[in-house]
Amino acid sequence: MSAKKYENNVLDGMEQAAITMISRAIQFDNDGKYSSALSSYQEGIHVFLDVIRSTNDKRKQELLRQKASEYITRAEKIKDILQRQKDSGNYHEQIQIPNDGVGFSYEFLFKKYLDKTIKTVEIEDPYIRNVHQAYNFLSFCELIVRYCPQLKKIILTTGTNHQDHVNQMSRFSSIRNSLVSYNIDLEIIFSDTLHDREIRLDNGWILKIGRGLDYFKPVNKFSIGFTDQNLRSCHETTVDIYFK
């Protein structure tokens, strides 16, 4: 394949990716899921701008600039809608994860609510007891470490694994020790009466997940989806997002 043809294929792929993101944004927008719409618009716009900078086709550049301008205008209007909802205390978004649905990684669901102002994250989930659940919790910790550079404290309230508490504590100890290198303190609180499942961010967002962090279906090691949550099938559940 010639270098020119390869370059065109890459640009076509980038443009298609941008179209897919914008299509998702429009669907979220139509459904009134404004936070998800804004995130998808921003991602799509970013890729459109990359295509504009990379192509020498003047006609395509102009066409994409017009589209990007439209999406930027809509994204700004959505920002205003979200701010008004947050100011009035009326913000509520619901995401339905279907049975066997894919593409619902922690990053996809929660990244848009994470920012540099967050210093404390509180997680209530009664089922961080077994090995795979500890891995889920670790994955969520990795996400907030990446996107919350001022994070200082994680508080997890969960249930006790009475059959294997020593190993449960050992797993938490390993996670705690690894967070120390990021100057983040992990506090574990055990409650055998806990039923609620929610994540509270100190920037005002509250994330309620019907199944908690454990909404992924099992996948064998060395199988697609084992390391990439976006490729893993999910149990049916509902995610409710509020702003207090």
C-alpha atoms as a PDB file:
ATOM      1  CA  MET A   1       0.000   0.000   0.000  1.00  0.00           C
ATOM      2  CA  SER A   2       1.337   3.449  -0.937  1.00  0.00           C
ATOM      3  CA  ALA A   3       1.974   6.053   1.748  1.00  0.00           C
ATOM      4  CA  LYS A   4      -0.719   8.285   0.251  1.00  0.00           C
ATOM      5  CA  LYS A   5      -3.335   5.541   0.301  1.00  0.00           C
ATOM      6  CA  TYR A   6      -2.396   4.617   3.858  1.00  0.00           C
ATOM      7  CA  GLU A   7      -2.760   8.254   4.936  1.00  0.00           C
ATOM      8  CA  ASN A   8      -6.184   8.489   3.292  1.00  0.00           C
ATOM      9  CA  ASN A   9      -7.324   5.319   5.031  1.00  0.00           C
ATOM     10  CA  VAL A  10      -6.225   6.698   8.402  1.00  0.00           C
ATOM     11  CA  LEU A  11      -8.073   9.971   7.785  1.00  0.00           C
ATOM     12  CA  ASP A  12     -11.193   8.108   6.649  1.00  0.00           C
ATOM     13  CA  GLY A  13     -11.044   6.045   9.829  1.00  0.00           C
ATOM     14  CA  MET A  14     -10.693   9.168  11.985  1.00  0.00           C
ATOM     15  CA  GLU A  15     -13.585  10.840  10.216  1.00  0.00           C
ATOM     16  CA  GLN A  16     -15.794   7.782  10.687  1.00  0.00           C
ATOM     17  CA  ALA A  17     -14.879   7.676  14.372  1.00  0.00           C
ATOM     18  CA  ALA A  18     -15.872  11.334  14.722  1.00  0.00           C
ATOM     19  CA  ILE A  19     -19.195  10.688  12.949  1.00  0.00           C
ATOM     20  CA  THR A  20     -19.894   7.778  15.304  1.00  0.00           C
ATOM     21  CA  MET A  21     -19.191   9.948  18.363  1.00  0.00           C
ATOM     22  CA  ILE A  22     -21.369  12.779  17.070  1.00  0.00           C
ATOM     23  CA  SER A  23     -24.190  10.347  16.229  1.00  0.00           C
ATOM     24  CA  ARG A  24     -24.059   9.084  19.796  1.00  0.00           C
ATOM     25  CA  ALA A  25     -24.042  12.683  21.066  1.00  0.00           C
ATOM     26  CA  ILE A  26     -27.153  13.537  19.037  1.00  0.00           C
ATOM     27  CA  GLN A  27     -28.958  10.479  20.410  1.00  0.00           C
ATOM     28  CA  PHE A  28     -28.040  11.432  23.985  1.00  0.00           C
ATOM     29  CA  ASP A  29     -29.094  15.014  23.232  1.00  0.00           C
ATOM     30  CA  ASN A  30     -32.489  13.888  21.905  1.00  0.00           C
ATOM     31  CA  ASP A  31     -32.980  11.692  24.987  1.00  0.00           C
ATOM     32  CA  GLY A  32     -32.235  14.595  27.335  1.00  0.00           C
ATOM     33  CA  LYS A  33     -29.031  12.962  28.609  1.00  0.00           C
ATOM     34  CA  TYR A  34     -27.137  16.199  28.423  1.00  0.00           C
ATOM     35  CA  SER A  35     -23.994  15.306  30.345  1.00  0.00           C
ATOM     36  CA  SER A  36     -23.378  12.255  28.141  1.00  0.00           C
ATOM     37  CA  ALA A  37     -24.262  14.320  25.064  1.00  0.00           C
ATOM     38  CA  LEU A  38     -21.762  17.028  25.986  1.00  0.00           C
ATOM     39  CA  SER A  39     -18.979  14.499  26.536  1.00  0.00           C
ATOM     40  CA  SER A  40     -19.657  12.806  23.187  1.00  0.00           C
ATOM     41  CA  TYR A  41     -19.906  16.130  21.333  1.00  0.00           C
ATOM     42  CA  GLN A  42     -16.553  17.209  22.788  1.00  0.00           C
ATOM     43  CA  GLU A  43     -14.865  13.936  21.809  1.00  0.00           C
ATOM     44  CA  GLY A  44     -16.311  14.066  18.283  1.00  0.00           C
ATOM     45  CA  ILE A  45     -15.342  17.722  17.821  1.00  0.00           C
ATOM     46  CA  HIS A  46     -11.784  16.943  18.949  1.00  0.00           C
ATOM     47  CA  VAL A  47     -11.440  14.224  16.298  1.00  0.00           C
ATOM     48  CA  PHE A  48     -13.037  16.411  13.603  1.00  0.00           C
ATOM     49  CA  LEU A  49     -10.442  19.110  14.339  1.00  0.00           C
ATOM     50  CA  ASP A  50      -7.658  16.515  14.078  1.00  0.00           C
ATOM     51  CA  VAL A  51      -8.974  15.516  10.628  1.00  0.00           C
ATOM     52  CA  ILE A  52      -9.131  19.183   9.545  1.00  0.00           C
ATOM     53  CA  ARG A  53      -5.500  19.700  10.573  1.00  0.00           C
ATOM     54  CA  SER A  54      -4.387  16.495   8.849  1.00  0.00           C
ATOM     55  CA  THR A  55      -6.098  16.785   5.459  1.00  0.00           C
ATOM     56  CA  ASN A  56      -5.008  18.883   2.494  1.00  0.00           C
ATOM     57  CA  ASP A  57      -8.438  18.649   0.865  1.00  0.00           C
ATOM     58  CA  LYS A  58      -9.694  22.243   1.094  1.00  0.00           C
ATOM     59  CA  ARG A  59     -13.293  21.267   0.339  1.00  0.00           C
ATOM     60  CA  LYS A  60     -13.294  18.671   3.094  1.00  0.00           C
ATOM     61  CA  GLN A  61     -11.660  21.135   5.502  1.00  0.00           C
ATOM     62  CA  GLU A  62     -14.400  23.703   4.902  1.00  0.00           C
ATOM     63  CA  LEU A  63     -17.188  21.131   5.210  1.00  0.00           C
ATOM     64  CA  LEU A  64     -15.781  19.749   8.459  1.00  0.00           C
ATOM     65  CA  ARG A  65     -15.244  23.252   9.859  1.00  0.00           C
ATOM     66  CA  GLN A  66     -18.919  24.034   9.268  1.00  0.00           C
ATOM     67  CA  LYS A  67     -19.984  20.811  10.985  1.00  0.00           C
ATOM     68  CA  ALA A  68     -17.571  21.324  13.873  1.00  0.00           C
ATOM     69  CA  SER A  69     -18.871  24.878  14.323  1.00  0.00           C
ATOM     70  CA  GLU A  70     -22.453  23.580  14.532  1.00  0.00           C
ATOM     71  CA  TYR A  71     -21.501  20.987  17.128  1.00  0.00           C
ATOM     72  CA  ILE A  72     -19.456  23.490  19.151  1.00  0.00           C
ATOM     73  CA  THR A  73     -22.474  25.827  19.246  1.00  0.00           C
ATOM     74  CA  ARG A  74     -24.735  22.996  20.421  1.00  0.00           C
ATOM     75  CA  ALA A  75     -22.180  21.880  23.019  1.00  0.00           C
ATOM     76  CA  GLU A  76     -22.089  25.413  24.460  1.00  0.00           C
ATOM     77  CA  LYS A  77     -25.891  25.460  24.708  1.00  0.00           C
ATOM     78  CA  ILE A  78     -25.824  22.110  26.508  1.00  0.00           C
ATOM     79  CA  LYS A  79     -23.276  23.515  28.973  1.00  0.00           C
ATOM     80  CA  ASP A  80     -25.773  26.284  29.763  1.00  0.00           C
ATOM     81  CA  ILE A  81     -28.616  23.756  30.186  1.00  0.00           C
ATOM     82  CA  LEU A  82     -26.506  21.641  32.542  1.00  0.00           C
ATOM     83  CA  GLN A  83     -25.461  24.654  34.586  1.00  0.00           C
ATOM     84  CA  ARG A  84     -29.068  25.785  34.996  1.00  0.00           C
ATOM     85  CA  GLN A  85     -30.119  22.283  36.062  1.00  0.00           C
ATOM     86  CA  LYS A  86     -27.253  22.052  38.537  1.00  0.00           C
ATOM     87  CA  ASP A  87     -27.973  25.505  39.956  1.00  0.00           C
ATOM     88  CA  SER A  88     -31.634  24.619  40.484  1.00  0.00           C
ATOM     89  CA  GLY A  89     -30.836  21.191  41.964  1.00  0.00           C
ATOM     90  CA  ASN A  90     -32.934  19.478  39.292  1.00  0.00           C
ATOM     91  CA  TYR A  91     -30.212  17.541  37.491  1.00  0.00           C
ATOM     92  CA  HIS A  92     -30.943  13.847  37.008  1.00  0.00           C
ATOM     93  CA  GLU A  93     -29.708  11.572  34.257  1.00  0.00           C
ATOM     94  CA  GLN A  94     -30.402   7.874  33.936  1.00  0.00           C
ATOM     95  CA  ILE A  95     -28.392   5.355  31.909  1.00  0.00           C
ATOM     96  CA  GLN A  96     -29.833   1.913  31.214  1.00  0.00           C
ATOM     97  CA  ILE A  97     -27.253  -0.841  30.748  1.00  0.00           C
ATOM     98  CA  PRO A  98     -28.974  -3.728  28.921  1.00  0.00           C
ATOM     99  CA  ASN A  99     -28.312  -7.405  29.532  1.00  0.00           C
ATOM    100  CA  ASP A 100     -25.229  -8.411  27.505  1.00  0.00           C
ATOM    101  CA  GLY A 101     -24.625  -4.762  26.662  1.00  0.00           C
ATOM    102  CA  VAL A 102     -21.036  -3.801  25.824  1.00  0.00           C
ATOM    103  CA  GLY A 103     -19.222  -0.480  25.791  1.00  0.00           C
ATOM    104  CA  PHE A 104     -20.089   0.455  29.379  1.00  0.00           C
ATOM    105  CA  SER A 105     -16.653   0.728  30.967  1.00  0.00           C
ATOM    106  CA  TYR A 106     -16.144   2.762  34.123  1.00  0.00           C
ATOM    107  CA  GLU A 107     -14.346   5.326  31.974  1.00  0.00           C
ATOM    108  CA  PHE A 108     -17.286   5.627  29.570  1.00  0.00           C
ATOM    109  CA  LEU A 109     -19.792   6.029  32.401  1.00  0.00           C
ATOM    110  CA  PHE A 110     -17.884   8.177  34.884  1.00  0.00           C
ATOM    111  CA  LYS A 111     -15.032  10.069  33.218  1.00  0.00           C
ATOM    112  CA  LYS A 112     -17.257  13.037  32.377  1.00  0.00           C
ATOM    113  CA  TYR A 113     -17.925  13.670  36.089  1.00  0.00           C
ATOM    114  CA  LEU A 114     -14.271  13.560  37.174  1.00  0.00           C
ATOM    115  CA  ASP A 115     -12.142  16.691  37.339  1.00  0.00           C
ATOM    116  CA  LYS A 116      -9.160  18.352  38.989  1.00  0.00           C
ATOM    117  CA  THR A 117     -11.264  19.800  41.838  1.00  0.00           C
ATOM    118  CA  ILE A 118     -12.037  16.411  43.382  1.00  0.00           C
ATOM    119  CA  LYS A 119     -10.174  15.640  46.606  1.00  0.00           C
ATOM    120  CA  THR A 120     -12.400  12.985  48.200  1.00  0.00           C
ATOM    121  CA  VAL A 121     -14.369  10.104  46.682  1.00  0.00           C
ATOM    122  CA  GLU A 122     -16.765   8.035  48.798  1.00  0.00           C
ATOM    123  CA  ILE A 123     -17.923   4.634  47.570  1.00  0.00           C
ATOM    124  CA  GLU A 124     -20.672   2.591  49.180  1.00  0.00           C
ATOM    125  CA  ASP A 125     -20.856  -0.918  47.761  1.00  0.00           C
ATOM    126  CA  PRO A 126     -21.666  -3.936  49.954  1.00  0.00           C
ATOM    127  CA  TYR A 127     -20.050  -6.374  47.538  1.00  0.00           C
ATOM    128  CA  ILE A 128     -16.346  -5.634  47.352  1.00  0.00           C
ATOM    129  CA  ARG A 129     -15.677  -8.973  49.008  1.00  0.00           C
ATOM    130  CA  ASN A 130     -14.255 -11.434  46.482  1.00  0.00           C
ATOM    131  CA  VAL A 131     -11.257 -11.335  44.156  1.00  0.00           C
ATOM    132  CA  HIS A 132     -13.058 -10.169  41.005  1.00  0.00           C
ATOM    133  CA  GLN A 133     -14.887  -7.483  42.995  1.00  0.00           C
ATOM    134  CA  ALA A 134     -11.572  -6.240  44.396  1.00  0.00           C
ATOM    135  CA  TYR A 135     -10.278  -6.010  40.819  1.00  0.00           C
ATOM    136  CA  ASN A 136     -13.349  -3.950  39.923  1.00  0.00           C
ATOM    137  CA  PHE A 137     -12.641  -1.608  42.812  1.00  0.00           C
ATOM    138  CA  LEU A 138      -8.984  -1.362  41.795  1.00  0.00           C
ATOM    139  CA  SER A 139     -10.022  -0.463  38.229  1.00  0.00           C
ATOM    140  CA  PHE A 140     -12.234   2.301  39.559  1.00  0.00           C
ATOM    141  CA  CYS A 141      -9.369   3.566  41.736  1.00  0.00           C
ATOM    142  CA  GLU A 142      -7.122   3.659  38.663  1.00  0.00           C
ATOM    143  CA  LEU A 143      -9.740   5.719  36.826  1.00  0.00           C
ATOM    144  CA  ILE A 144     -10.041   8.374  39.514  1.00  0.00           C
ATOM    145  CA  VAL A 145      -6.271   8.521  40.003  1.00  0.00           C
ATOM    146  CA  ARG A 146      -5.918   9.283  36.288  1.00  0.00           C
ATOM    147  CA  TYR A 147      -8.566  12.003  36.099  1.00  0.00           C
ATOM    148  CA  CYS A 148      -8.532  13.539  39.603  1.00  0.00           C
ATOM    149  CA  PRO A 149      -4.997  14.923  40.042  1.00  0.00           C
ATOM    150  CA  GLN A 150      -5.864  16.572  43.395  1.00  0.00           C
ATOM    151  CA  LEU A 151      -7.388  13.400  44.870  1.00  0.00           C
ATOM    152  CA  LYS A 152      -6.347  12.898  48.512  1.00  0.00           C
ATOM    153  CA  LYS A 153      -8.762  10.361  49.978  1.00  0.00           C
ATOM    154  CA  ILE A 154     -10.889   7.377  48.933  1.00  0.00           C
ATOM    155  CA  ILE A 155     -13.422   6.048  51.425  1.00  0.00           C
ATOM    156  CA  LEU A 156     -14.899   2.623  50.728  1.00  0.00           C
ATOM    157  CA  THR A 157     -17.776   1.250  52.788  1.00  0.00           C
ATOM    158  CA  THR A 158     -18.419  -2.406  52.027  1.00  0.00           C
ATOM    159  CA  GLY A 159     -19.452  -5.740  53.526  1.00  0.00           C
ATOM    160  CA  THR A 160     -17.235  -8.230  55.320  1.00  0.00           C
ATOM    161  CA  ASN A 161     -16.289 -11.510  53.674  1.00  0.00           C
ATOM    162  CA  HIS A 162     -16.727 -13.640  56.780  1.00  0.00           C
ATOM    163  CA  GLN A 163     -15.430 -16.771  55.028  1.00  0.00           C
ATOM    164  CA  ASP A 164     -12.228 -15.152  53.756  1.00  0.00           C
ATOM    165  CA  HIS A 165     -11.709 -11.905  55.665  1.00  0.00           C
ATOM    166  CA  VAL A 166      -7.926 -12.286  55.918  1.00  0.00           C
ATOM    167  CA  ASN A 167      -7.509 -12.343  52.141  1.00  0.00           C
ATOM    168  CA  GLN A 168     -10.094  -9.588  51.722  1.00  0.00           C
ATOM    169  CA  MET A 169      -8.027  -7.383  54.045  1.00  0.00           C
ATOM    170  CA  SER A 170      -4.823  -8.380  52.266  1.00  0.00           C
ATOM    171  CA  ARG A 171      -6.252  -7.196  48.932  1.00  0.00           C
ATOM    172  CA  PHE A 172      -7.335  -3.875  50.445  1.00  0.00           C
ATOM    173  CA  SER A 173      -3.913  -3.484  52.058  1.00  0.00           C
ATOM    174  CA  SER A 174      -2.193  -3.941  48.690  1.00  0.00           C
ATOM    175  CA  ILE A 175      -4.438  -1.332  47.064  1.00  0.00           C
ATOM    176  CA  ARG A 176      -3.886   1.051  49.993  1.00  0.00           C
ATOM    177  CA  ASN A 177      -0.103   0.675  49.766  1.00  0.00           C
ATOM    178  CA  SER A 178      -0.100   1.337  46.036  1.00  0.00           C
ATOM    179  CA  LEU A 179      -2.190   4.507  46.509  1.00  0.00           C
ATOM    180  CA  VAL A 180       0.329   5.869  49.004  1.00  0.00           C
ATOM    181  CA  SER A 181       2.773   6.548  46.154  1.00  0.00           C
ATOM    182  CA  TYR A 182       0.126   8.924  44.745  1.00  0.00           C
ATOM    183  CA  ASN A 183      -0.343  10.592  48.150  1.00  0.00           C
ATOM    184  CA  ILE A 184      -3.851   9.163  48.387  1.00  0.00           C
ATOM    185  CA  ASP A 185      -5.259   7.658  51.571  1.00  0.00           C
ATOM    186  CA  LEU A 186      -7.634   4.681  51.351  1.00  0.00           C
ATOM    187  CA  GLU A 187     -10.051   4.231  54.262  1.00  0.00           C
ATOM    188  CA  ILE A 188     -12.048   1.005  54.515  1.00  0.00           C
ATOM    189  CA  ILE A 189     -15.251   0.877  56.561  1.00  0.00           C
ATOM    190  CA  PHE A 190     -17.081  -2.425  57.046  1.00  0.00           C
ATOM    191  CA  SER A 191     -20.862  -2.557  57.384  1.00  0.00           C
ATOM    192  CA  ASP A 192     -22.935  -5.726  57.301  1.00  0.00           C
ATOM    193  CA  THR A 193     -26.178  -3.722  57.077  1.00  0.00           C
ATOM    194  CA  LEU A 194     -25.209  -1.701  53.996  1.00  0.00           C
ATOM    195  CA  HIS A 195     -27.538  -2.085  51.006  1.00  0.00           C
ATOM    196  CA  ASP A 196     -27.154   1.146  49.034  1.00  0.00           C
ATOM    197  CA  ARG A 197     -24.719   1.387  46.161  1.00  0.00           C
ATOM    198  CA  GLU A 198     -23.522   4.856  45.308  1.00  0.00           C
ATOM    199  CA  ILE A 199     -20.435   6.915  44.588  1.00  0.00           C
ATOM    200  CA  ARG A 200     -20.191  10.457  45.952  1.00  0.00           C
ATOM    201  CA  LEU A 201     -17.706  12.903  44.459  1.00  0.00           C
ATOM    202  CA  ASP A 202     -16.941  16.037  46.431  1.00  0.00           C
ATOM    203  CA  ASN A 203     -17.466  18.179  43.319  1.00  0.00           C
ATOM    204  CA  GLY A 204     -21.207  17.559  43.810  1.00  0.00           C
ATOM    205  CA  TRP A 205     -21.921  14.519  41.612  1.00  0.00           C
ATOM    206  CA  ILE A 206     -23.683  11.453  43.029  1.00  0.00           C
ATOM    207  CA  LEU A 207     -23.610   8.227  40.988  1.00  0.00           C
ATOM    208  CA  LYS A 208     -26.050   5.472  41.965  1.00  0.00           C
ATOM    209  CA  ILE A 209     -25.478   2.082  40.297  1.00  0.00           C
ATOM    210  CA  GLY A 210     -28.115  -0.619  40.715  1.00  0.00           C
ATOM    211  CA  ARG A 211     -25.541  -3.420  40.877  1.00  0.00           C
ATOM    212  CA  GLY A 212     -22.682  -1.330  42.229  1.00  0.00           C
ATOM    213  CA  LEU A 213     -19.288  -1.762  40.560  1.00  0.00           C
ATOM    214  CA  ASP A 214     -19.973  -5.460  39.947  1.00  0.00           C
ATOM    215  CA  TYR A 215     -22.108  -5.172  36.790  1.00  0.00           C
ATOM    216  CA  PHE A 216     -19.739  -6.986  34.423  1.00  0.00           C
ATOM    217  CA  LYS A 217     -20.338 -10.607  33.484  1.00  0.00           C
ATOM    218  CA  PRO A 218     -17.503 -13.078  34.144  1.00  0.00           C
ATOM    219  CA  VAL A 219     -14.934 -13.523  31.408  1.00  0.00           C
ATOM    220  CA  ASN A 220     -12.177 -16.109  31.204  1.00  0.00           C
ATOM    221  CA  LYS A 221      -8.562 -15.072  31.512  1.00  0.00           C
ATOM    222  CA  PHE A 222      -6.828 -14.632  28.144  1.00  0.00           C
ATOM    223  CA  SER A 223     -10.212 -13.838  26.578  1.00  0.00           C
ATOM    224  CA  ILE A 224     -11.305 -10.631  24.848  1.00  0.00           C
ATOM    225  CA  GLY A 225     -12.783  -8.327  27.456  1.00  0.00           C
ATOM    226  CA  PHE A 226     -10.630  -9.521  30.337  1.00  0.00           C
ATOM    227  CA  THR A 227      -8.529  -6.340  30.384  1.00  0.00           C
ATOM    228  CA  ASP A 228     -10.755  -3.996  28.334  1.00  0.00           C
ATOM    229  CA  GLN A 229     -14.036  -3.261  30.097  1.00  0.00           C
ATOM    230  CA  ASN A 230     -15.557  -1.796  26.934  1.00  0.00           C
ATOM    231  CA  LEU A 231     -15.437  -5.258  25.359  1.00  0.00           C
ATOM    232  CA  ARG A 232     -16.987  -7.030  28.328  1.00  0.00           C
ATOM    233  CA  SER A 233     -20.667  -8.028  28.488  1.00  0.00           C
ATOM    234  CA  CYS A 234     -22.718  -6.530  31.296  1.00  0.00           C
ATOM    235  CA  HIS A 235     -25.576  -7.545  33.540  1.00  0.00           C
ATOM    236  CA  GLU A 236     -28.677  -5.403  33.172  1.00  0.00           C
ATOM    237  CA  THR A 237     -28.605  -2.462  35.564  1.00  0.00           C
ATOM    238  CA  THR A 238     -29.494   1.205  35.902  1.00  0.00           C
ATOM    239  CA  VAL A 239     -27.165   4.114  36.636  1.00  0.00           C
ATOM    240  CA  ASP A 240     -28.690   7.294  38.078  1.00  0.00           C
ATOM    241  CA  ILE A 241     -26.655  10.493  38.179  1.00  0.00           C
ATOM    242  CA  TYR A 242     -27.556  13.470  40.372  1.00  0.00           C
ATOM    243  CA  PHE A 243     -25.948  16.777  41.227  1.00  0.00           C
ATOM    244  CA  LYS A 244     -26.459  18.060  44.739  1.00  0.00           C
END
